[in-house]
Protein backbone atom coordinates (compact mmCIF):
# COMPACT_ATOMS: atom_id res chain seq x y z
CA MET A 1 63.18 71.26 15.06
CA ASN A 2 59.70 69.91 14.26
CA ARG A 3 56.96 68.97 16.74
CA TRP A 4 57.93 65.29 17.07
CA GLN A 5 61.60 66.12 17.59
CA ALA A 6 60.61 68.58 20.31
CA ILE A 7 58.45 65.90 21.96
CA GLY A 8 61.39 63.49 21.81
CA TRP A 9 63.65 65.97 23.59
CA VAL A 10 61.02 66.66 26.26
CA ALA A 11 60.67 62.92 26.90
CA LEU A 12 64.45 62.49 27.16
CA PHE A 13 64.69 65.53 29.41
CA GLY A 14 62.02 64.24 31.78
CA GLY A 15 63.48 60.73 31.87
CA VAL A 16 66.95 62.00 32.74
CA LEU A 17 65.57 64.25 35.50
CA VAL A 18 63.69 61.36 37.11
CA CYS A 19 66.64 58.96 36.94
CA ALA A 20 69.05 61.66 38.15
CA ASP A 21 66.80 62.29 41.17
CA LEU A 22 67.09 58.61 42.10
CA LEU A 23 70.89 58.77 41.75
CA ASP A 24 70.96 61.94 43.83
CA ARG A 25 69.29 60.11 46.71
CA ILE A 26 72.22 57.71 46.93
CA HIS A 27 74.65 60.67 46.77
CA PHE A 28 75.90 60.01 43.23
CA PRO A 29 78.09 63.01 42.26
CA ALA A 30 76.65 65.52 39.75
CA PRO A 31 73.94 63.07 38.59
CA GLN A 32 72.04 65.46 36.28
CA MET A 33 74.97 66.49 34.13
CA ILE A 34 76.72 63.11 34.10
CA LEU A 35 73.57 61.14 33.23
CA ALA A 36 72.57 63.63 30.52
CA MET A 37 76.08 63.44 29.06
CA VAL A 38 76.02 59.63 29.02
CA VAL A 39 72.54 59.46 27.47
CA GLY A 40 73.39 62.13 24.89
CA ALA A 41 76.61 60.35 23.94
CA ALA A 42 74.84 56.99 23.62
CA LEU A 43 72.18 58.48 21.34
CA ALA A 44 74.79 60.32 19.27
CA LEU A 45 76.89 57.19 18.81
CA ALA A 46 73.77 55.22 17.82
CA GLY A 47 72.57 57.96 15.45
CA ARG A 48 69.26 58.31 17.29
CA LEU A 49 69.28 61.94 18.41
CA PRO A 50 65.90 63.66 17.86
CA ALA A 51 67.61 66.84 16.57
CA PRO A 52 70.50 69.14 17.50
CA LEU A 53 69.80 71.30 20.56
CA PRO A 54 69.16 74.93 19.56
CA ARG A 55 72.09 77.24 20.28
CA GLU A 56 69.79 79.63 22.15
CA VAL A 57 68.93 76.91 24.69
CA SER A 58 72.59 76.31 25.48
CA LEU A 59 73.36 80.03 25.83
CA GLY A 60 70.33 80.54 28.10
CA ALA A 61 71.44 77.66 30.33
CA GLN A 62 74.95 79.12 30.56
CA ALA A 63 73.61 82.54 31.55
CA MET A 64 71.33 81.15 34.26
CA LEU A 65 74.20 78.96 35.51
CA GLY A 66 76.27 82.14 35.81
CA VAL A 67 73.55 83.66 38.02
CA LEU A 68 73.60 80.54 40.19
CA MET A 69 77.39 80.61 40.66
CA GLY A 70 77.49 84.32 41.35
CA SER A 71 74.92 83.91 44.13
CA TYR A 72 77.28 81.74 46.20
CA LEU A 73 79.47 84.61 47.40
CA GLU A 74 78.50 85.84 50.88
CA ILE A 75 80.74 88.43 52.52
CA SER A 76 79.21 87.98 55.99
CA LEU A 77 80.60 84.44 56.12
CA LEU A 78 84.08 85.64 55.25
CA SER A 79 84.09 88.27 58.00
CA SER A 80 82.91 85.69 60.56
CA ILE A 81 86.00 83.53 60.00
CA GLY A 82 88.58 86.26 60.59
CA PHE A 83 92.30 86.16 59.83
CA ALA A 84 92.33 82.35 59.79
CA LEU A 85 90.84 82.66 56.32
CA ILE A 86 94.03 84.16 54.83
CA PRO A 87 96.26 81.05 54.84
CA VAL A 88 93.36 78.89 53.69
CA LEU A 89 92.77 81.23 50.75
CA ALA A 90 96.49 80.98 49.99
CA VAL A 91 95.95 77.24 49.52
CA THR A 92 93.07 78.08 47.17
CA VAL A 93 95.37 80.19 45.00
CA ALA A 94 98.02 77.48 45.17
CA THR A 95 95.39 74.99 44.00
CA LEU A 96 95.03 76.94 40.75
CA VAL A 97 98.79 76.98 40.23
CA VAL A 98 99.12 73.26 41.00
CA SER A 99 96.22 72.44 38.65
CA VAL A 100 97.85 74.30 35.76
CA ALA A 101 101.23 72.67 36.47
CA ALA A 102 99.66 69.20 36.59
CA ALA A 103 97.85 69.94 33.32
CA TRP A 104 101.10 70.98 31.64
CA VAL A 105 102.78 67.70 32.66
CA PHE A 106 99.76 65.64 31.62
CA ALA A 107 99.55 67.42 28.26
CA LYS A 108 103.20 66.62 27.52
CA VAL A 109 103.04 62.98 28.62
CA ALA A 110 99.62 62.06 27.22
CA LYS A 111 99.94 64.14 24.02
CA VAL A 112 96.81 66.15 24.84
CA GLU A 113 96.34 69.80 23.89
CA LEU A 114 97.23 72.20 26.70
CA PRO A 115 93.84 74.02 26.73
CA THR A 116 91.97 70.70 27.02
CA ALA A 117 94.31 69.35 29.71
CA THR A 118 94.18 72.59 31.72
CA LEU A 119 90.40 72.90 31.70
CA GLY A 120 90.05 69.18 32.36
CA LEU A 121 92.19 69.34 35.50
CA LEU A 122 91.15 72.78 36.77
CA ALA A 123 90.08 72.15 40.36
CA GLY A 124 86.65 73.69 40.74
CA GLY A 125 83.70 75.03 38.76
CA SER A 126 83.29 71.89 36.65
CA ALA A 127 79.94 72.93 35.13
CA ALA A 128 81.29 76.38 34.24
CA VAL A 129 84.52 75.02 32.79
CA VAL A 130 82.68 72.51 30.61
CA ALA A 131 80.21 75.15 29.46
CA CYS A 132 82.90 77.51 28.16
CA ALA A 133 85.41 74.93 26.84
CA ASP A 134 84.53 75.69 23.21
CA GLU A 135 85.50 79.34 23.51
CA MET A 136 88.89 78.40 24.94
CA ASP A 137 89.79 76.14 22.00
CA ALA A 138 89.41 73.02 24.16
CA ASP A 139 87.53 69.82 23.38
CA PRO A 140 84.43 69.99 25.65
CA ARG A 141 83.97 66.22 25.54
CA ARG A 142 87.39 65.41 26.93
CA VAL A 143 87.18 68.36 29.34
CA ALA A 144 83.87 67.04 30.69
CA PHE A 145 85.22 63.51 31.00
CA MET A 146 88.28 64.66 32.93
CA GLN A 147 86.33 67.07 35.14
CA TYR A 148 83.77 64.51 36.22
CA LEU A 149 86.33 61.80 36.78
CA ARG A 150 87.96 64.27 39.19
CA VAL A 151 84.60 65.09 40.82
CA ALA A 152 83.80 61.39 41.24
CA LEU A 153 87.16 60.62 42.87
CA VAL A 154 86.86 63.56 45.27
CA ALA A 155 83.23 62.80 46.12
CA LEU A 156 84.01 59.15 46.85
CA SER A 157 87.07 59.87 48.98
CA ALA A 158 86.02 63.03 50.87
CA PRO A 159 83.79 61.42 53.56
CA THR A 160 86.38 58.78 54.47
CA LEU A 161 89.39 61.12 54.48
CA ALA A 162 87.56 63.82 56.44
CA ALA A 163 86.51 61.27 59.08
CA VAL A 164 90.10 60.01 59.39
CA LEU A 165 91.49 63.54 59.70
CA ALA A 166 88.88 64.75 62.20
CA ASP A 167 90.24 65.13 65.72
CA GLY A 168 87.67 67.39 67.33
CA ASP A 169 83.98 67.63 68.03
CA GLY A 170 83.00 69.61 64.98
CA LEU A 171 82.02 73.24 64.88
CA ALA A 172 82.37 74.94 68.21
CA ALA A 173 79.30 76.06 70.07
CA GLY A 174 78.29 79.60 69.25
CA ALA A 175 80.20 79.66 65.96
CA PRO A 176 78.41 81.31 63.06
CA VAL A 177 76.37 79.09 60.84
CA THR A 178 76.08 79.31 57.11
CA ARG A 179 73.06 80.55 55.25
CA ALA A 180 72.04 78.53 52.24
CA VAL A 181 72.00 80.17 48.83
CA THR A 182 68.34 79.23 48.68
CA ASP A 183 65.85 78.25 51.35
CA PRO A 184 66.12 74.44 51.72
CA ASP A 185 62.52 74.28 52.96
CA LEU A 186 61.06 75.61 49.71
CA PRO A 187 58.66 73.16 48.00
CA HIS A 188 60.21 71.49 44.97
CA TRP A 189 58.00 73.33 42.49
CA MET A 190 59.56 76.66 43.51
CA ILE A 191 62.56 77.24 41.27
CA PHE A 192 63.96 80.55 42.53
CA GLY A 193 65.52 81.74 45.77
CA ARG A 194 63.42 82.25 48.80
CA GLY A 195 59.74 82.27 47.88
CA ASP A 196 58.69 85.11 45.55
CA GLN A 197 58.91 83.32 42.23
CA VAL A 198 57.84 86.23 40.01
CA ALA A 199 60.44 88.57 41.53
CA GLY A 200 63.09 85.85 41.44
CA LEU A 201 62.44 85.08 37.77
CA SER A 202 62.38 88.76 36.81
CA ILE A 203 65.67 89.55 38.56
CA ALA A 204 67.38 86.42 37.19
CA VAL A 205 66.34 87.22 33.61
CA VAL A 206 67.56 90.82 33.94
CA LEU A 207 70.88 89.59 35.38
CA CYS A 208 71.23 87.20 32.44
CA LEU A 209 70.48 89.82 29.77
CA VAL A 210 72.53 92.63 31.30
CA GLY A 211 75.36 90.28 32.28
CA VAL A 212 75.68 88.86 28.76
CA ARG A 213 75.65 92.33 27.24
CA LEU A 214 78.34 93.57 29.64
CA GLY A 215 80.39 90.43 29.07
CA ARG A 216 80.35 91.00 25.33
CA ARG A 217 81.00 94.71 25.76
CA PHE A 218 84.17 94.11 27.77
CA GLY A 219 85.32 91.12 25.71
CA VAL A 220 85.38 88.47 28.47
CA PRO A 221 85.57 84.82 27.34
CA SER A 222 82.26 82.97 27.45
CA PRO A 223 80.23 86.16 28.10
CA ALA A 224 77.02 84.15 28.40
CA LEU A 225 78.40 82.50 31.53
CA ILE A 226 80.96 84.86 33.08
CA GLY A 227 79.06 88.11 32.48
CA PRO A 228 75.96 87.12 34.53
CA MET A 229 78.20 85.45 37.13
CA LEU A 230 80.24 88.60 37.79
CA LEU A 231 77.19 90.84 37.91
CA THR A 232 75.38 88.49 40.30
CA ALA A 233 78.48 88.11 42.49
CA LEU A 234 78.67 91.90 42.79
CA LEU A 235 75.04 92.15 43.91
CA THR A 236 75.47 89.25 46.33
CA ALA A 237 78.63 90.77 47.82
CA LEU A 238 76.73 94.03 48.36
CA GLY A 239 74.22 92.12 50.49
CA ALA A 240 71.38 91.81 47.99
CA THR A 241 68.87 89.01 48.55
CA HIS A 242 69.55 85.51 47.23
CA GLY A 243 66.00 85.40 45.91
CA TYR A 244 67.18 85.22 42.29
CA ALA A 245 69.28 82.05 42.66
CA PRO A 246 67.98 79.12 40.55
CA THR A 247 67.11 76.12 42.68
CA ASN A 248 65.30 72.79 42.67
CA LEU A 249 63.99 71.79 39.23
CA LEU A 250 65.47 74.79 37.41
CA LYS A 251 68.99 74.18 38.74
CA GLU A 252 68.76 70.50 37.86
CA SER A 253 67.48 71.39 34.37
CA LEU A 254 70.46 73.66 33.73
CA PHE A 255 72.87 70.80 34.42
CA VAL A 256 70.84 68.45 32.20
CA ILE A 257 70.94 70.91 29.28
CA ILE A 258 74.71 71.38 29.54
CA GLY A 259 75.18 67.62 29.88
CA PHE A 260 73.14 66.96 26.74
CA GLU A 261 74.96 69.71 24.84
CA VAL A 262 78.32 68.07 25.55
CA GLY A 263 77.20 64.45 25.29
CA THR A 264 75.68 64.81 21.84
CA ARG A 265 79.11 65.68 20.42
CA PHE A 266 80.69 62.32 21.23
CA THR A 267 82.00 60.09 18.47
CA ARG A 268 83.55 56.62 18.52
CA ALA A 269 87.02 58.11 17.98
CA VAL A 270 86.60 60.34 21.04
CA VAL A 271 85.43 57.42 23.22
CA VAL A 272 88.45 55.31 22.21
CA GLU A 273 90.78 58.24 22.87
CA MET A 274 89.35 58.86 26.34
CA ALA A 275 89.55 55.19 27.28
CA ARG A 276 93.26 55.36 26.49
CA MET A 277 93.63 58.40 28.75
CA ILE A 278 91.92 56.95 31.86
CA PRO A 279 95.02 55.52 33.64
CA GLY A 280 97.06 58.68 33.18
CA MET A 281 94.13 60.92 34.10
CA THR A 282 93.43 58.95 37.28
CA LEU A 283 97.08 59.05 38.36
CA THR A 284 97.27 62.81 37.69
CA ILE A 285 94.05 63.54 39.61
CA VAL A 286 95.20 61.45 42.60
CA ALA A 287 98.56 63.26 42.60
CA LEU A 288 96.79 66.63 42.39
CA SER A 289 94.57 65.73 45.34
CA GLY A 290 97.61 64.56 47.32
CA VAL A 291 99.49 67.82 46.79
CA ILE A 292 96.48 69.90 47.81
CA GLY A 293 95.97 67.68 50.87
CA ALA A 294 99.61 68.25 51.84
CA LEU A 295 99.12 72.01 51.56
CA ALA A 296 96.08 71.76 53.81
CA TYR A 297 98.16 69.87 56.37
CA LEU A 298 100.82 72.59 56.35
CA VAL A 299 98.17 75.26 56.95
CA ALA A 300 96.77 73.25 59.88
CA LEU A 301 100.17 73.50 61.59
CA PHE A 302 99.93 77.30 61.79
CA VAL A 303 96.24 78.11 62.29
CA ASP A 304 93.76 77.12 64.97
CA LEU A 305 91.50 75.15 62.65
CA GLU A 306 90.73 71.46 62.49
CA LEU A 307 92.61 69.57 59.79
CA SER A 308 89.42 67.92 58.50
CA ASP A 309 87.80 71.37 58.06
CA ILE A 310 90.80 72.69 56.12
CA TYR A 311 90.81 69.56 53.95
CA LEU A 312 87.10 69.88 53.14
CA ALA A 313 87.55 73.58 52.40
CA THR A 314 90.41 72.97 49.95
CA THR A 315 89.47 69.70 48.18
CA PRO A 316 90.01 69.97 44.41
CA GLY A 317 86.35 70.13 43.47
CA GLY A 318 83.24 68.11 44.32
CA ILE A 319 81.65 71.06 46.13
CA ASN A 320 78.20 69.47 46.52
CA ALA A 321 79.58 66.24 47.98
CA VAL A 322 81.96 68.20 50.20
CA LEU A 323 79.21 70.40 51.65
CA ALA A 324 77.01 67.36 52.30
CA THR A 325 79.91 65.67 54.10
CA ALA A 326 80.64 68.81 56.13
CA GLU A 327 77.03 69.14 57.22
CA SER A 328 76.81 65.50 58.33
CA MET A 329 80.05 65.87 60.35
CA HIS A 330 78.98 69.16 62.01
CA ALA A 331 82.08 70.71 60.48
CA ASN A 332 82.95 74.40 60.11
CA LEU A 333 80.42 75.22 57.41
CA PRO A 334 81.18 78.97 57.23
CA LEU A 335 84.82 78.21 56.46
CA ILE A 336 84.11 75.37 54.03
CA THR A 337 81.29 77.15 52.19
CA SER A 338 83.22 80.42 51.87
CA VAL A 339 86.46 78.88 50.63
CA GLN A 340 84.79 76.47 48.23
CA SER A 341 82.61 79.27 46.79
CA LEU A 342 85.55 81.66 46.45
CA ARG A 343 87.63 78.94 44.83
CA LEU A 344 84.84 78.35 42.30
CA LEU A 345 84.74 82.07 41.47
CA LEU A 346 88.55 82.24 41.32
CA MET A 347 88.76 79.35 38.89
CA VAL A 348 86.16 80.88 36.58
CA LEU A 349 87.75 84.34 36.81
CA ALA A 350 91.11 82.78 35.91
CA LEU A 351 89.72 81.66 32.56
CA PRO A 352 90.29 85.04 30.80
CA LEU A 353 93.97 84.94 31.84
CA LEU A 354 94.29 81.36 30.65
CA VAL A 355 92.72 82.33 27.32
CA ARG A 356 95.42 84.95 26.80
CA VAL A 357 98.16 82.53 27.81
CA PHE A 358 96.92 79.86 25.40
CA ARG A 359 96.62 82.32 22.53
CA TYR A 360 100.05 83.77 23.23
CA ALA A 361 101.70 80.36 23.40
CA GLY A 362 99.83 79.08 20.35
CA ARG A 363 98.88 75.52 19.56
CA THR A 364 101.07 73.15 17.56
CA GLU A 365 98.56 70.40 16.91
CA PRO A 366 95.05 70.56 15.45
CA ARG A 367 91.92 69.61 17.34
CA GLU A 368 91.29 66.64 15.08
CA LEU A 369 88.94 64.95 17.52
CA LEU A 370 86.44 67.79 17.19
CA THR A 371 85.94 67.00 13.53
CA THR A 372 85.90 63.20 13.73
């Protein structure tokens, strides 16, 4: 990449960040990644990309994203909820099973490869799933399209459905409140944790390097993402500070990089193929959401929790929109944050098992769209 190509990428990067910030203010779901993906695809289709993104940039973004996801786990929140958490977590496990079953049906009906369909419909961890699609023999472009169609549908429907289902006055007085992964009062120029930027950067870089090395050592899929995530989750579960969690501009930049990396692979053949898949994808995602909502209703019959809280805790994705909705409704944030974060980790941890299943079953059709 020469100097002018680098300048072109910096200009694109800055433009997407500014526009995504405007979209974020109107609560557009996942604006950084979606906008970067759209812009990257448009430039790729028009043949106007400055240059391919270096592989090292993509791997670095995956590793730092792993640190971010691993920092979500907070054991103190789980202990504050008590035994009511058990049936809700059962719904979380059931969500994984239902997602895989829906993907199997969709793959058969729509003639889509099983790895692509499964990752595309996996309920949770959309950024992580898209980032490691390549290593699971899935088409990252179709996976991203399916994941963010799901996120958009959940984000648009969650506020209305939660309001309809609510039958109480929100979180009871004296109930524990959640602690943000990062301090929300930090100025925007601070990009790590809770204030000490040098310490935050140093710890995050060490977690990335050691996590990637351990991931490769133990043969986990997508070691650049899952290795740092597991290591960070361990430290977070042990009560270590959240000061290493990427936030503000750095977190937004990670999503932009991954969005560009996926978007620049689009071709006209892929766009036509995805347009054909939209009706079936939408129907499958709506059915998936309906089944998970029904499971939440069943749980509400047996535990002393508000139905709207259980629904928000178990929605199939859209974690940012769900948490914003929960906060505005004064909902049970400890429950919702804990279950959503654990579901994200569960979905990513399930990827190694899915890799083995896919490789054992084998594939009967080539990934022709990746070479078109």
